[in-house]
PDB file of all heavy atoms in Angstrom:
ATOM      1  N   LYS A   1     -55.599  19.122  41.685  1.00  0.00           N
ATOM      2  CA  LYS A   1     -55.450  19.692  40.385  1.00  0.00           C
ATOM      3  C   LYS A   1     -55.864  18.743  39.271  1.00  0.00           C
ATOM      4  O   LYS A   1     -56.555  19.110  38.319  1.00  0.00           O
ATOM      5  CB  LYS A   1     -54.040  20.154  40.159  1.00  0.00           C
ATOM      6  CG  LYS A   1     -53.725  20.685  38.795  1.00  0.00           C
ATOM      7  CD  LYS A   1     -52.241  21.002  38.615  1.00  0.00           C
ATOM      8  CE  LYS A   1     -51.904  21.444  37.174  1.00  0.00           C
ATOM      9  NZ  LYS A   1     -50.486  21.712  37.014  1.00  0.00           N
ATOM     10  N   HIS A   2     -55.457  17.465  39.417  1.00  0.00           N
ATOM     11  CA  HIS A   2     -55.726  16.463  38.385  1.00  0.00           C
ATOM     12  C   HIS A   2     -57.101  15.757  38.556  1.00  0.00           C
ATOM     13  O   HIS A   2     -57.456  14.986  37.692  1.00  0.00           O
ATOM     14  CB  HIS A   2     -54.650  15.395  38.396  1.00  0.00           C
ATOM     15  CG  HIS A   2     -53.282  15.907  38.001  1.00  0.00           C
ATOM     16  ND1 HIS A   2     -53.052  16.730  36.903  1.00  0.00           N
ATOM     17  CD2 HIS A   2     -52.055  15.739  38.582  1.00  0.00           C
ATOM     18  CE1 HIS A   2     -51.783  17.010  36.845  1.00  0.00           C
ATOM     19  NE2 HIS A   2     -51.126  16.390  37.849  1.00  0.00           N
ATOM     20  N   GLY A   3     -57.765  16.090  39.659  1.00  0.00           N
ATOM     21  CA  GLY A   3     -59.071  15.434  39.880  1.00  0.00           C
ATOM     22  C   GLY A   3     -58.934  13.985  40.197  1.00  0.00           C
ATOM     23  O   GLY A   3     -59.789  13.166  39.814  1.00  0.00           O
ATOM     24  N   LEU A   4     -57.880  13.583  40.899  1.00  0.00           N
ATOM     25  CA  LEU A   4     -57.628  12.175  41.225  1.00  0.00           C
ATOM     26  C   LEU A   4     -57.943  11.893  42.684  1.00  0.00           C
ATOM     27  O   LEU A   4     -57.865  12.811  43.530  1.00  0.00           O
ATOM     28  CB  LEU A   4     -56.163  11.824  40.970  1.00  0.00           C
ATOM     29  CG  LEU A   4     -55.653  11.955  39.504  1.00  0.00           C
ATOM     30  CD1 LEU A   4     -54.162  11.719  39.410  1.00  0.00           C
ATOM     31  CD2 LEU A   4     -56.412  10.992  38.581  1.00  0.00           C
ATOM     32  N   SER A   5     -58.277  10.660  43.016  1.00  0.00           N
ATOM     33  CA  SER A   5     -58.515  10.260  44.353  1.00  0.00           C
ATOM     34  C   SER A   5     -57.829   8.916  44.636  1.00  0.00           C
ATOM     35  O   SER A   5     -57.517   8.188  43.707  1.00  0.00           O
ATOM     36  CB  SER A   5     -60.038  10.135  44.625  1.00  0.00           C
ATOM     37  OG  SER A   5     -60.607   9.168  43.788  1.00  0.00           O
ATOM     38  N   LEU A   6     -57.588   8.630  45.945  1.00  0.00           N
ATOM     39  CA  LEU A   6     -57.025   7.399  46.312  1.00  0.00           C
ATOM     40  C   LEU A   6     -58.120   6.304  46.469  1.00  0.00           C
ATOM     41  O   LEU A   6     -59.290   6.647  46.742  1.00  0.00           O
ATOM     42  CB  LEU A   6     -56.297   7.560  47.632  1.00  0.00           C
ATOM     43  CG  LEU A   6     -55.246   8.684  47.712  1.00  0.00           C
ATOM     44  CD1 LEU A   6     -54.665   8.796  49.104  1.00  0.00           C
ATOM     45  CD2 LEU A   6     -54.112   8.438  46.652  1.00  0.00           C
ATOM     46  N   GLY A   7     -57.786   5.099  46.289  1.00  0.00           N
ATOM     47  CA  GLY A   7     -58.770   4.036  46.403  1.00  0.00           C
ATOM     48  C   GLY A   7     -58.154   2.761  46.947  1.00  0.00           C
ATOM     49  O   GLY A   7     -57.006   2.710  47.397  1.00  0.00           O
ATOM     50  N   GLY A   8     -58.943   1.708  46.910  1.00  0.00           N
ATOM     51  CA  GLY A   8     -58.472   0.395  47.352  1.00  0.00           C
ATOM     52  C   GLY A   8     -58.015   0.430  48.789  1.00  0.00           C
ATOM     53  O   GLY A   8     -58.672   0.978  49.670  1.00  0.00           O
ATOM     54  N   GLY A   9     -56.833  -0.161  49.053  1.00  0.00           N
ATOM     55  CA  GLY A   9     -56.342  -0.215  50.432  1.00  0.00           C
ATOM     56  C   GLY A   9     -55.438   0.923  50.780  1.00  0.00           C
ATOM     57  O   GLY A   9     -54.617   0.820  51.694  1.00  0.00           O
ATOM     58  N   ILE A  10     -55.461   2.055  50.072  1.00  0.00           N
ATOM     59  CA  ILE A  10     -54.600   3.165  50.324  1.00  0.00           C
ATOM     60  C   ILE A  10     -55.222   4.038  51.412  1.00  0.00           C
ATOM     61  O   ILE A  10     -56.370   4.461  51.269  1.00  0.00           O
ATOM     62  CB  ILE A  10     -54.342   4.021  49.095  1.00  0.00           C
ATOM     63  CG1 ILE A  10     -53.753   3.193  47.989  1.00  0.00           C
ATOM     64  CG2 ILE A  10     -53.489   5.210  49.404  1.00  0.00           C
ATOM     65  CD1 ILE A  10     -53.480   3.936  46.680  1.00  0.00           C
ATOM     66  N   ARG A  11     -54.500   4.262  52.511  1.00  0.00           N
ATOM     67  CA  ARG A  11     -54.977   5.105  53.580  1.00  0.00           C
ATOM     68  C   ARG A  11     -54.061   6.332  53.749  1.00  0.00           C
ATOM     69  O   ARG A  11     -52.880   6.160  54.067  1.00  0.00           O
ATOM     70  CB  ARG A  11     -54.957   4.284  54.867  1.00  0.00           C
ATOM     71  CG  ARG A  11     -55.307   5.052  56.116  1.00  0.00           C
ATOM     72  CD  ARG A  11     -55.199   4.141  57.355  1.00  0.00           C
ATOM     73  NE  ARG A  11     -54.543   4.816  58.447  1.00  0.00           N
ATOM     74  CZ  ARG A  11     -54.006   4.207  59.469  1.00  0.00           C
ATOM     75  NH1 ARG A  11     -53.948   2.864  59.508  1.00  0.00           N
ATOM     76  NH2 ARG A  11     -53.404   4.839  60.457  1.00  0.00           N
ATOM     77  N   PRO A  12     -54.573   7.481  53.518  1.00  0.00           N
ATOM     78  CA  PRO A  12     -53.714   8.691  53.712  1.00  0.00           C
ATOM     79  C   PRO A  12     -53.403   8.967  55.177  1.00  0.00           C
ATOM     80  O   PRO A  12     -54.263   8.772  56.055  1.00  0.00           O
ATOM     81  CB  PRO A  12     -54.576   9.814  53.134  1.00  0.00           C
ATOM     82  CG  PRO A  12     -55.976   9.312  53.068  1.00  0.00           C
ATOM     83  CD  PRO A  12     -55.916   7.831  53.077  1.00  0.00           C
ATOM     84  N   ILE A  13     -52.163   9.331  55.434  1.00  0.00           N
ATOM     85  CA  ILE A  13     -51.763   9.750  56.802  1.00  0.00           C
ATOM     86  C   ILE A  13     -50.993  11.095  56.677  1.00  0.00           C
ATOM     87  O   ILE A  13     -50.431  11.387  55.615  1.00  0.00           O
ATOM     88  CB  ILE A  13     -50.884   8.672  57.515  1.00  0.00           C
ATOM     89  CG1 ILE A  13     -49.579   8.507  56.715  1.00  0.00           C
ATOM     90  CG2 ILE A  13     -51.630   7.367  57.620  1.00  0.00           C
ATOM     91  CD1 ILE A  13     -48.560   7.623  57.466  1.00  0.00           C
ATOM     92  N   PRO A  14     -50.976  11.877  57.756  1.00  0.00           N
ATOM     93  CA  PRO A  14     -50.261  13.163  57.707  1.00  0.00           C
ATOM     94  C   PRO A  14     -48.745  12.917  57.567  1.00  0.00           C
ATOM     95  O   PRO A  14     -48.218  11.870  57.965  1.00  0.00           O
ATOM     96  CB  PRO A  14     -50.649  13.815  58.995  1.00  0.00           C
ATOM     97  CG  PRO A  14     -51.024  12.666  59.919  1.00  0.00           C
ATOM     98  CD  PRO A  14     -51.630  11.665  59.041  1.00  0.00           C
ATOM     99  N   ARG A  15     -48.091  13.916  57.021  1.00  0.00           N
ATOM    100  CA  ARG A  15     -46.637  13.901  56.993  1.00  0.00           C
ATOM    101  C   ARG A  15     -46.114  13.861  58.410  1.00  0.00           C
ATOM    102  O   ARG A  15     -46.509  14.656  59.269  1.00  0.00           O
ATOM    103  CB  ARG A  15     -46.112  15.123  56.279  1.00  0.00           C
ATOM    104  CG  ARG A  15     -44.631  15.126  56.069  1.00  0.00           C
ATOM    105  CD  ARG A  15     -44.198  16.277  55.122  1.00  0.00           C
ATOM    106  NE  ARG A  15     -44.671  17.596  55.645  1.00  0.00           N
ATOM    107  CZ  ARG A  15     -44.305  18.742  55.137  1.00  0.00           C
ATOM    108  NH1 ARG A  15     -43.476  18.815  54.130  1.00  0.00           N
ATOM    109  NH2 ARG A  15     -44.721  19.874  55.642  1.00  0.00           N
ATOM    110  N   LEU A  16     -45.168  12.963  58.710  1.00  0.00           N
ATOM    111  CA  LEU A  16     -44.671  12.700  60.031  1.00  0.00           C
ATOM    112  C   LEU A  16     -43.298  13.350  60.217  1.00  0.00           C
ATOM    113  O   LEU A  16     -42.528  13.511  59.229  1.00  0.00           O
ATOM    114  CB  LEU A  16     -44.621  11.221  60.321  1.00  0.00           C
ATOM    115  CG  LEU A  16     -45.924  10.427  60.179  1.00  0.00           C
ATOM    116  CD1 LEU A  16     -45.608   8.960  60.324  1.00  0.00           C
ATOM    117  CD2 LEU A  16     -46.900  10.880  61.224  1.00  0.00           C
ATOM    118  N   ASP A  17     -42.927  13.674  61.444  1.00  0.00           N
ATOM    119  CA  ASP A  17     -41.558  14.057  61.678  1.00  0.00           C
ATOM    120  C   ASP A  17     -40.619  12.874  61.500  1.00  0.00           C
ATOM    121  O   ASP A  17     -41.051  11.710  61.448  1.00  0.00           O
ATOM    122  CB  ASP A  17     -41.393  14.658  63.118  1.00  0.00           C
ATOM    123  CG  ASP A  17     -41.675  13.680  64.208  1.00  0.00           C
ATOM    124  OD1 ASP A  17     -40.892  12.672  64.341  1.00  0.00           O
ATOM    125  OD2 ASP A  17     -42.622  13.817  64.995  1.00  0.00           O
ATOM    126  N   PHE A  18     -39.350  13.146  61.359  1.00  0.00           N
ATOM    127  CA  PHE A  18     -38.393  12.109  61.046  1.00  0.00           C
ATOM    128  C   PHE A  18     -38.384  10.950  62.024  1.00  0.00           C
ATOM    129  O   PHE A  18     -38.406   9.770  61.649  1.00  0.00           O
ATOM    130  CB  PHE A  18     -36.956  12.720  60.997  1.00  0.00           C
ATOM    131  CG  PHE A  18     -35.852  11.706  60.870  1.00  0.00           C
ATOM    132  CD1 PHE A  18     -35.676  11.034  59.641  1.00  0.00           C
ATOM    133  CD2 PHE A  18     -34.956  11.461  61.918  1.00  0.00           C
ATOM    134  CE1 PHE A  18     -34.660  10.125  59.510  1.00  0.00           C
ATOM    135  CE2 PHE A  18     -33.960  10.531  61.766  1.00  0.00           C
ATOM    136  CZ  PHE A  18     -33.763   9.871  60.550  1.00  0.00           C
ATOM    137  N   PHE A  19     -38.452  11.248  63.301  1.00  0.00           N
ATOM    138  CA  PHE A  19     -38.421  10.199  64.319  1.00  0.00           C
ATOM    139  C   PHE A  19     -39.680   9.341  64.189  1.00  0.00           C
ATOM    140  O   PHE A  19     -39.529   8.100  64.221  1.00  0.00           O
ATOM    141  CB  PHE A  19     -38.353  10.835  65.731  1.00  0.00           C
ATOM    142  CG  PHE A  19     -36.948  11.320  66.112  1.00  0.00           C
ATOM    143  CD1 PHE A  19     -36.354  12.376  65.435  1.00  0.00           C
ATOM    144  CD2 PHE A  19     -36.263  10.727  67.172  1.00  0.00           C
ATOM    145  CE1 PHE A  19     -35.116  12.811  65.766  1.00  0.00           C
ATOM    146  CE2 PHE A  19     -34.992  11.155  67.524  1.00  0.00           C
ATOM    147  CZ  PHE A  19     -34.407  12.214  66.827  1.00  0.00           C
ATOM    148  N   SER A  20     -40.798   9.901  64.053  1.00  0.00           N
ATOM    149  CA  SER A  20     -42.024   9.113  63.898  1.00  0.00           C
ATOM    150  C   SER A  20     -42.039   8.321  62.589  1.00  0.00           C
ATOM    151  O   SER A  20     -42.490   7.177  62.579  1.00  0.00           O
ATOM    152  CB  SER A  20     -43.265  10.047  63.919  1.00  0.00           C
ATOM    153  OG  SER A  20     -43.338  10.722  65.144  1.00  0.00           O
ATOM    154  N   PHE A  21     -41.550   8.889  61.510  1.00  0.00           N
ATOM    155  CA  PHE A  21     -41.543   8.226  60.255  1.00  0.00           C
ATOM    156  C   PHE A  21     -40.604   6.980  60.280  1.00  0.00           C
ATOM    157  O   PHE A  21     -40.943   5.934  59.767  1.00  0.00           O
ATOM    158  CB  PHE A  21     -41.091   9.150  59.151  1.00  0.00           C
ATOM    159  CG  PHE A  21     -41.225   8.593  57.752  1.00  0.00           C
ATOM    160  CD1 PHE A  21     -42.430   8.100  57.252  1.00  0.00           C
ATOM    161  CD2 PHE A  21     -40.155   8.554  56.892  1.00  0.00           C
ATOM    162  CE1 PHE A  21     -42.567   7.553  56.007  1.00  0.00           C
ATOM    163  CE2 PHE A  21     -40.218   8.003  55.615  1.00  0.00           C
ATOM    164  CZ  PHE A  21     -41.445   7.515  55.188  1.00  0.00           C
ATOM    165  N   VAL A  22     -39.497   7.136  60.939  1.00  0.00           N
ATOM    166  CA  VAL A  22     -38.556   5.994  61.088  1.00  0.00           C
ATOM    167  C   VAL A  22     -39.220   4.901  61.898  1.00  0.00           C
ATOM    168  O   VAL A  22     -39.130   3.700  61.563  1.00  0.00           O
ATOM    169  CB  VAL A  22     -37.229   6.429  61.713  1.00  0.00           C
ATOM    170  CG1 VAL A  22     -36.352   5.216  62.070  1.00  0.00           C
ATOM    171  CG2 VAL A  22     -36.492   7.345  60.791  1.00  0.00           C
ATOM    172  N   ALA A  23     -39.950   5.244  62.959  1.00  0.00           N
ATOM    173  CA  ALA A  23     -40.643   4.273  63.743  1.00  0.00           C
ATOM    174  C   ALA A  23     -41.681   3.499  62.922  1.00  0.00           C
ATOM    175  O   ALA A  23     -41.842   2.276  63.068  1.00  0.00           O
ATOM    176  CB  ALA A  23     -41.330   4.950  64.957  1.00  0.00           C
ATOM    177  N   VAL A  24     -42.350   4.178  61.990  1.00  0.00           N
ATOM    178  CA  VAL A  24     -43.306   3.509  61.123  1.00  0.00           C
ATOM    179  C   VAL A  24     -42.566   2.657  60.098  1.00  0.00           C
ATOM    180  O   VAL A  24     -42.986   1.499  59.862  1.00  0.00           O
ATOM    181  CB  VAL A  24     -44.182   4.551  60.418  1.00  0.00           C
ATOM    182  CG1 VAL A  24     -45.085   3.872  59.392  1.00  0.00           C
ATOM    183  CG2 VAL A  24     -45.056   5.314  61.448  1.00  0.00           C
ATOM    184  N   MET A  25     -41.522   3.175  59.520  1.00  0.00           N
ATOM    185  CA  MET A  25     -40.764   2.381  58.519  1.00  0.00           C
ATOM    186  C   MET A  25     -40.204   1.096  59.115  1.00  0.00           C
ATOM    187  O   MET A  25     -40.208   0.052  58.452  1.00  0.00           O
ATOM    188  CB  MET A  25     -39.579   3.222  57.937  1.00  0.00           C
ATOM    189  CG  MET A  25     -39.988   4.210  56.865  1.00  0.00           C
ATOM    190  SD  MET A  25     -38.581   4.709  55.836  1.00  0.00           S
ATOM    191  CE  MET A  25     -37.568   5.501  57.035  1.00  0.00           C
ATOM    192  N   ARG A  26     -39.738   1.122  60.356  1.00  0.00           N
ATOM    193  CA  ARG A  26     -39.208  -0.041  60.952  1.00  0.00           C
ATOM    194  C   ARG A  26     -40.197  -1.202  61.107  1.00  0.00           C
ATOM    195  O   ARG A  26     -39.847  -2.339  61.203  1.00  0.00           O
ATOM    196  CB  ARG A  26     -38.630   0.279  62.377  1.00  0.00           C
ATOM    197  CG  ARG A  26     -37.272   1.022  62.295  1.00  0.00           C
ATOM    198  CD  ARG A  26     -36.883   1.511  63.633  1.00  0.00           C
ATOM    199  NE  ARG A  26     -35.501   2.069  63.667  1.00  0.00           N
ATOM    200  CZ  ARG A  26     -35.007   2.798  64.657  1.00  0.00           C
ATOM    201  NH1 ARG A  26     -35.725   3.048  65.736  1.00  0.00           N
ATOM    202  NH2 ARG A  26     -33.776   3.273  64.566  1.00  0.00           N
ATOM    203  N   ARG A  27     -41.482  -0.847  61.092  1.00  0.00           N
ATOM    204  CA  ARG A  27     -42.540  -1.842  61.237  1.00  0.00           C
ATOM    205  C   ARG A  27     -43.259  -2.166  59.911  1.00  0.00           C
ATOM    206  O   ARG A  27     -44.182  -2.997  59.895  1.00  0.00           O
ATOM    207  CB  ARG A  27     -43.571  -1.328  62.248  1.00  0.00           C
ATOM    208  CG  ARG A  27     -43.028  -1.273  63.708  1.00  0.00           C
ATOM    209  CD  ARG A  27     -43.859  -0.311  64.579  1.00  0.00           C
ATOM    210  NE  ARG A  27     -43.385  -0.369  65.978  1.00  0.00           N
ATOM    211  CZ  ARG A  27     -42.337   0.279  66.430  1.00  0.00           C
ATOM    212  NH1 ARG A  27     -41.605   1.011  65.601  1.00  0.00           N
ATOM    213  NH2 ARG A  27     -41.988   0.209  67.722  1.00  0.00           N
ATOM    214  N   SER A  28     -42.788  -1.505  58.843  1.00  0.00           N
ATOM    215  CA  SER A  28     -43.434  -1.729  57.528  1.00  0.00           C
ATOM    216  C   SER A  28     -42.773  -2.859  56.788  1.00  0.00           C
ATOM    217  O   SER A  28     -41.711  -3.313  57.133  1.00  0.00           O
ATOM    218  CB  SER A  28     -43.407  -0.441  56.760  1.00  0.00           C
ATOM    219  OG  SER A  28     -42.076  -0.172  56.292  1.00  0.00           O
ATOM    220  N   GLY A  29     -43.447  -3.238  55.647  1.00  0.00           N
ATOM    221  CA  GLY A  29     -42.879  -4.299  54.824  1.00  0.00           C
ATOM    222  C   GLY A  29     -42.121  -3.815  53.624  1.00  0.00           C
ATOM    223  O   GLY A  29     -41.197  -4.449  53.118  1.00  0.00           O
ATOM    224  N   PHE A  30     -42.407  -2.552  53.183  1.00  0.00           N
ATOM    225  CA  PHE A  30     -41.721  -1.983  52.024  1.00  0.00           C
ATOM    226  C   PHE A  30     -42.085  -0.483  51.892  1.00  0.00           C
ATOM    227  O   PHE A  30     -43.043  -0.005  52.579  1.00  0.00           O
ATOM    228  CB  PHE A  30     -42.094  -2.710  50.769  1.00  0.00           C
ATOM    229  CG  PHE A  30     -43.551  -2.692  50.442  1.00  0.00           C
ATOM    230  CD1 PHE A  30     -44.093  -1.660  49.618  1.00  0.00           C
ATOM    231  CD2 PHE A  30     -44.432  -3.659  50.899  1.00  0.00           C
ATOM    232  CE1 PHE A  30     -45.443  -1.665  49.318  1.00  0.00           C
ATOM    233  CE2 PHE A  30     -45.768  -3.614  50.579  1.00  0.00           C
ATOM    234  CZ  PHE A  30     -46.270  -2.649  49.821  1.00  0.00           C
ATOM    235  N   LEU A  31     -41.345   0.194  51.058  1.00  0.00           N
ATOM    236  CA  LEU A  31     -41.544   1.622  50.811  1.00  0.00           C
ATOM    237  C   LEU A  31     -41.513   1.855  49.323  1.00  0.00           C
ATOM    238  O   LEU A  31     -40.635   1.339  48.615  1.00  0.00           O
ATOM    239  CB  LEU A  31     -40.482   2.464  51.455  1.00  0.00           C
ATOM    240  CG  LEU A  31     -40.532   3.973  51.230  1.00  0.00           C
ATOM    241  CD1 LEU A  31     -41.708   4.614  51.886  1.00  0.00           C
ATOM    242  CD2 LEU A  31     -39.217   4.650  51.730  1.00  0.00           C
ATOM    243  N   VAL A  32     -42.463   2.673  48.805  1.00  0.00           N
ATOM    244  CA  VAL A  32     -42.473   3.142  47.439  1.00  0.00           C
ATOM    245  C   VAL A  32     -42.305   4.621  47.555  1.00  0.00           C
ATOM    246  O   VAL A  32     -43.135   5.338  48.171  1.00  0.00           O
ATOM    247  CB  VAL A  32     -43.792   2.809  46.719  1.00  0.00           C
ATOM    248  CG1 VAL A  32     -43.828   3.452  45.328  1.00  0.00           C
ATOM    249  CG2 VAL A  32     -43.928   1.271  46.575  1.00  0.00           C
ATOM    250  N   THR A  33     -41.271   5.199  46.930  1.00  0.00           N
ATOM    251  CA  THR A  33     -40.930   6.599  47.180  1.00  0.00           C
ATOM    252  C   THR A  33     -40.260   7.175  45.956  1.00  0.00           C
ATOM    253  O   THR A  33     -39.756   6.454  45.078  1.00  0.00           O
ATOM    254  CB  THR A  33     -39.988   6.710  48.391  1.00  0.00           C
ATOM    255  OG1 THR A  33     -39.771   8.125  48.647  1.00  0.00           O
ATOM    256  CG2 THR A  33     -38.644   6.036  48.145  1.00  0.00           C
ATOM    257  N   ASP A  34     -40.227   8.520  45.835  1.00  0.00           N
ATOM    258  CA  ASP A  34     -39.430   9.183  44.839  1.00  0.00           C
ATOM    259  C   ASP A  34     -38.366  10.027  45.483  1.00  0.00           C
ATOM    260  O   ASP A  34     -37.780  10.938  44.888  1.00  0.00           O
ATOM    261  CB  ASP A  34     -40.301  10.032  43.875  1.00  0.00           C
ATOM    262  CG  ASP A  34     -41.247  10.957  44.577  1.00  0.00           C
ATOM    263  OD1 ASP A  34     -41.098  11.133  45.821  1.00  0.00           O
ATOM    264  OD2 ASP A  34     -42.112  11.569  43.895  1.00  0.00           O
ATOM    265  N   SER A  35     -38.100   9.784  46.765  1.00  0.00           N
ATOM    266  CA  SER A  35     -37.109  10.485  47.550  1.00  0.00           C
ATOM    267  C   SER A  35     -35.771   9.783  47.618  1.00  0.00           C
ATOM    268  O   SER A  35     -35.742   8.633  48.012  1.00  0.00           O
ATOM    269  CB  SER A  35     -37.648  10.737  48.980  1.00  0.00           C
ATOM    270  OG  SER A  35     -36.640  11.132  49.844  1.00  0.00           O
ATOM    271  N   GLY A  36     -34.727  10.499  47.191  1.00  0.00           N
ATOM    272  CA  GLY A  36     -33.407   9.898  47.323  1.00  0.00           C
ATOM    273  C   GLY A  36     -32.988   9.695  48.758  1.00  0.00           C
ATOM    274  O   GLY A  36     -32.350   8.724  49.116  1.00  0.00           O
ATOM    275  N   GLY A  37     -33.424  10.613  49.642  1.00  0.00           N
ATOM    276  CA  GLY A  37     -33.118  10.433  51.035  1.00  0.00           C
ATOM    277  C   GLY A  37     -33.753   9.236  51.666  1.00  0.00           C
ATOM    278  O   GLY A  37     -33.143   8.476  52.413  1.00  0.00           O
ATOM    279  N   SER A  38     -34.998   8.966  51.236  1.00  0.00           N
ATOM    280  CA  SER A  38     -35.680   7.747  51.721  1.00  0.00           C
ATOM    281  C   SER A  38     -35.052   6.495  51.167  1.00  0.00           C
ATOM    282  O   SER A  38     -35.012   5.457  51.813  1.00  0.00           O
ATOM    283  CB  SER A  38     -37.131   7.818  51.389  1.00  0.00           C
ATOM    284  OG  SER A  38     -37.829   8.813  52.094  1.00  0.00           O
ATOM    285  N   GLN A  39     -34.525   6.574  49.946  1.00  0.00           N
ATOM    286  CA  GLN A  39     -33.793   5.422  49.369  1.00  0.00           C
ATOM    287  C   GLN A  39     -32.633   5.057  50.287  1.00  0.00           C
ATOM    288  O   GLN A  39     -32.396   3.885  50.607  1.00  0.00           O
ATOM    289  CB  GLN A  39     -33.272   5.754  47.954  1.00  0.00           C
ATOM    290  CG  GLN A  39     -32.334   4.720  47.414  1.00  0.00           C
ATOM    291  CD  GLN A  39     -31.648   5.203  46.120  1.00  0.00           C
ATOM    292  OE1 GLN A  39     -32.127   6.064  45.400  1.00  0.00           O
ATOM    293  NE2 GLN A  39     -30.496   4.625  45.811  1.00  0.00           N
ATOM    294  N   GLU A  40     -31.877   6.089  50.732  1.00  0.00           N
ATOM    295  CA  GLU A  40     -30.748   5.823  51.610  1.00  0.00           C
ATOM    296  C   GLU A  40     -31.229   5.240  52.935  1.00  0.00           C
ATOM    297  O   GLU A  40     -30.585   4.345  53.497  1.00  0.00           O
ATOM    298  CB  GLU A  40     -29.986   7.139  51.840  1.00  0.00           C
ATOM    299  CG  GLU A  40     -29.294   7.633  50.596  1.00  0.00           C
ATOM    300  CD  GLU A  40     -28.884   9.131  50.749  1.00  0.00           C
ATOM    301  OE1 GLU A  40     -29.478   9.843  51.574  1.00  0.00           O
ATOM    302  OE2 GLU A  40     -27.977   9.498  50.041  1.00  0.00           O
ATOM    303  N   GLU A  41     -32.292   5.784  53.487  1.00  0.00           N
ATOM    304  CA  GLU A  41     -32.819   5.291  54.769  1.00  0.00           C
ATOM    305  C   GLU A  41     -33.122   3.841  54.700  1.00  0.00           C
ATOM    306  O   GLU A  41     -32.778   3.031  55.580  1.00  0.00           O
ATOM    307  CB  GLU A  41     -34.020   6.126  55.182  1.00  0.00           C
ATOM    308  CG  GLU A  41     -33.745   7.537  55.591  1.00  0.00           C
ATOM    309  CD  GLU A  41     -34.929   8.439  55.654  1.00  0.00           C
ATOM    310  OE1 GLU A  41     -36.046   7.914  55.488  1.00  0.00           O
ATOM    311  OE2 GLU A  41     -34.764   9.626  55.829  1.00  0.00           O
ATOM    312  N   THR A  42     -33.843   3.442  53.582  1.00  0.00           N
ATOM    313  CA  THR A  42     -34.243   2.018  53.489  1.00  0.00           C
ATOM    314  C   THR A  42     -32.967   1.108  53.349  1.00  0.00           C
ATOM    315  O   THR A  42     -33.007  -0.045  53.788  1.00  0.00           O
ATOM    316  CB  THR A  42     -35.139   1.786  52.270  1.00  0.00           C
ATOM    317  OG1 THR A  42     -34.498   2.147  51.057  1.00  0.00           O
ATOM    318  CG2 THR A  42     -36.398   2.597  52.416  1.00  0.00           C
ATOM    319  N   TYR A  43     -31.895   1.603  52.750  1.00  0.00           N
ATOM    320  CA  TYR A  43     -30.700   0.815  52.604  1.00  0.00           C
ATOM    321  C   TYR A  43     -30.148   0.494  53.977  1.00  0.00           C
ATOM    322  O   TYR A  43     -29.814  -0.664  54.294  1.00  0.00           O
ATOM    323  CB  TYR A  43     -29.650   1.562  51.765  1.00  0.00           C
ATOM    324  CG  TYR A  43     -28.322   0.852  51.726  1.00  0.00           C
ATOM    325  CD1 TYR A  43     -28.132  -0.351  51.062  1.00  0.00           C
ATOM    326  CD2 TYR A  43     -27.207   1.418  52.365  1.00  0.00           C
ATOM    327  CE1 TYR A  43     -26.906  -0.982  51.027  1.00  0.00           C
ATOM    328  CE2 TYR A  43     -25.984   0.800  52.306  1.00  0.00           C
ATOM    329  CZ  TYR A  43     -25.841  -0.402  51.646  1.00  0.00           C
ATOM    330  OH  TYR A  43     -24.589  -1.071  51.604  1.00  0.00           O
ATOM    331  N   TYR A  44     -30.024   1.474  54.854  1.00  0.00           N
ATOM    332  CA  TYR A  44     -29.452   1.248  56.190  1.00  0.00           C
ATOM    333  C   TYR A  44     -30.392   0.537  57.084  1.00  0.00           C
ATOM    334  O   TYR A  44     -29.956  -0.163  57.984  1.00  0.00           O
ATOM    335  CB  TYR A  44     -28.986   2.554  56.785  1.00  0.00           C
ATOM    336  CG  TYR A  44     -27.861   3.226  56.022  1.00  0.00           C
ATOM    337  CD1 TYR A  44     -28.040   4.374  55.253  1.00  0.00           C
ATOM    338  CD2 TYR A  44     -26.556   2.655  56.014  1.00  0.00           C
ATOM    339  CE1 TYR A  44     -26.971   4.894  54.464  1.00  0.00           C
ATOM    340  CE2 TYR A  44     -25.554   3.176  55.275  1.00  0.00           C
ATOM    341  CZ  TYR A  44     -25.766   4.323  54.520  1.00  0.00           C
ATOM    342  OH  TYR A  44     -24.740   4.827  53.747  1.00  0.00           O
TER     343      TYR A  44
END
């Protein structure tokens, strides 16, 4: 809608199920999100 595209080192990936997303988060360095649920996940 806004005519925007991703660039630089940003790589789009499909939305993952909860189990797969947690497996990815456990191996990541950080998360940028606007989800309150994901905020809680990163805390634990």
